[in-house]
Amino acid sequence: MTKEKDVNVGELLLQSVREMKAGIRARVTTPQLTEVAQARLATSFTQSQLANVMGVSVRTLQDWEQGRRQPSGAAKTLLRVACKHPRIVREAANV
């Protein structure tokens, strides 16, 4: 490798850093939350707490949150209620 190539690589890296700081070529990603994650956030439950309330394992809840599996019909209904009325779900769970 010659010094000229080293300087060019270094200059390219500096240029990239300047562009990032200036917001040029910046990429903003907003992840879509699953209904399970939305319900958990709305109720302020931990994964363990929500899994306990729903009668499933934490691993199953994690699979739902990450989109690897889908909850059953009854679970989907409870999740919709949790999203729209988190206080009621918390009261019913005695948390």
Protein backbone atom coordinates (compact mmCIF):
# COMPACT_ATOMS: atom_id res chain seq x y z
CA MET A 1 0.00 0.00 0.00
CA THR A 2 1.36 3.42 -0.87
CA LYS A 3 1.07 6.56 1.21
CA GLU A 4 -1.16 8.12 -1.45
CA LYS A 5 -3.77 5.41 -0.96
CA ASP A 6 -3.56 5.82 2.85
CA VAL A 7 -4.19 9.55 2.53
CA ASN A 8 -7.15 8.98 0.22
CA VAL A 9 -8.74 6.48 2.59
CA GLY A 10 -8.17 8.80 5.53
CA GLU A 11 -9.64 11.74 3.62
CA LEU A 12 -12.66 9.65 2.62
CA LEU A 13 -13.24 8.73 6.25
CA LEU A 14 -12.99 12.35 7.34
CA GLN A 15 -15.39 13.39 4.60
CA SER A 16 -17.85 10.72 5.75
CA VAL A 17 -17.66 11.96 9.33
CA ARG A 18 -18.26 15.55 8.18
CA GLU A 19 -21.28 14.44 6.14
CA MET A 20 -22.72 12.52 9.10
CA LYS A 21 -22.33 15.54 11.37
CA ALA A 22 -23.95 17.78 8.76
CA GLY A 23 -26.84 15.34 8.32
CA ILE A 24 -25.95 14.66 4.70
CA ARG A 25 -26.74 11.13 3.62
CA ALA A 26 -28.12 10.48 7.06
CA ARG A 27 -30.55 7.65 7.34
CA VAL A 28 -33.34 7.73 9.88
CA THR A 29 -34.98 4.45 10.68
CA THR A 30 -38.16 4.23 12.68
CA PRO A 31 -38.94 0.61 13.50
CA GLN A 32 -42.52 -0.55 13.40
CA LEU A 33 -43.56 -1.90 16.77
CA THR A 34 -45.64 -5.03 16.81
CA GLU A 35 -48.99 -4.92 18.57
CA VAL A 36 -47.43 -6.98 21.36
CA ALA A 37 -44.65 -4.44 21.91
CA GLN A 38 -47.19 -1.59 21.77
CA ALA A 39 -49.36 -3.31 24.38
CA ARG A 40 -46.39 -3.91 26.65
CA LEU A 41 -45.28 -0.30 26.39
CA ALA A 42 -48.82 0.99 26.95
CA THR A 43 -49.25 -1.08 30.11
CA SER A 44 -45.68 -0.45 31.33
CA PHE A 45 -45.29 -4.18 31.90
CA THR A 46 -41.98 -5.99 31.65
CA GLN A 47 -41.86 -8.93 29.27
CA SER A 48 -42.09 -11.24 32.26
CA GLN A 49 -45.15 -9.46 33.66
CA LEU A 50 -47.04 -9.41 30.35
CA ALA A 51 -46.18 -13.05 29.68
CA ASN A 52 -47.53 -13.95 33.13
CA VAL A 53 -50.75 -11.98 32.56
CA MET A 54 -51.27 -13.67 29.19
CA GLY A 55 -50.38 -17.13 30.48
CA VAL A 56 -47.51 -17.69 28.05
CA SER A 57 -43.77 -18.12 28.43
CA VAL A 58 -41.45 -15.14 28.17
CA ARG A 59 -39.89 -16.81 25.12
CA THR A 60 -43.28 -16.96 23.39
CA LEU A 61 -43.89 -13.29 24.15
CA GLN A 62 -40.46 -12.42 22.76
CA ASP A 63 -41.23 -14.38 19.59
CA TRP A 64 -44.45 -12.38 19.22
CA GLU A 65 -42.71 -9.06 19.82
CA GLN A 66 -40.04 -9.82 17.26
CA GLY A 67 -42.54 -11.05 14.67
CA ARG A 68 -41.26 -14.63 14.59
CA ARG A 69 -44.66 -15.98 15.67
CA GLN A 70 -48.19 -14.63 15.83
CA PRO A 71 -50.44 -14.71 18.90
CA SER A 72 -53.68 -16.69 18.84
CA GLY A 73 -57.09 -15.07 18.49
CA ALA A 74 -57.73 -14.74 22.23
CA ALA A 75 -54.24 -13.35 22.82
CA LYS A 76 -54.71 -10.83 19.98
CA THR A 77 -57.93 -9.65 21.59
CA LEU A 78 -56.26 -9.12 24.95
CA LEU A 79 -53.42 -7.25 23.25
CA ARG A 80 -55.89 -4.92 21.51
CA VAL A 81 -57.58 -4.24 24.85
CA ALA A 82 -54.18 -3.59 26.43
CA CYS A 83 -53.31 -1.07 23.71
CA LYS A 84 -56.60 0.82 24.01
CA HIS A 85 -57.21 0.46 27.76
CA PRO A 86 -53.89 -0.24 29.51
CA ARG A 87 -55.20 0.86 32.91
CA ILE A 88 -57.93 -1.78 32.84
CA VAL A 89 -55.46 -4.53 31.99
CA ARG A 90 -53.14 -3.39 34.79
CA GLU A 91 -56.06 -3.38 37.25
CA ALA A 92 -57.16 -6.85 36.14
CA ALA A 93 -53.59 -8.10 36.56
CA ASN A 94 -53.33 -6.51 40.02
CA VAL A 95 -50.00 -4.91 39.13
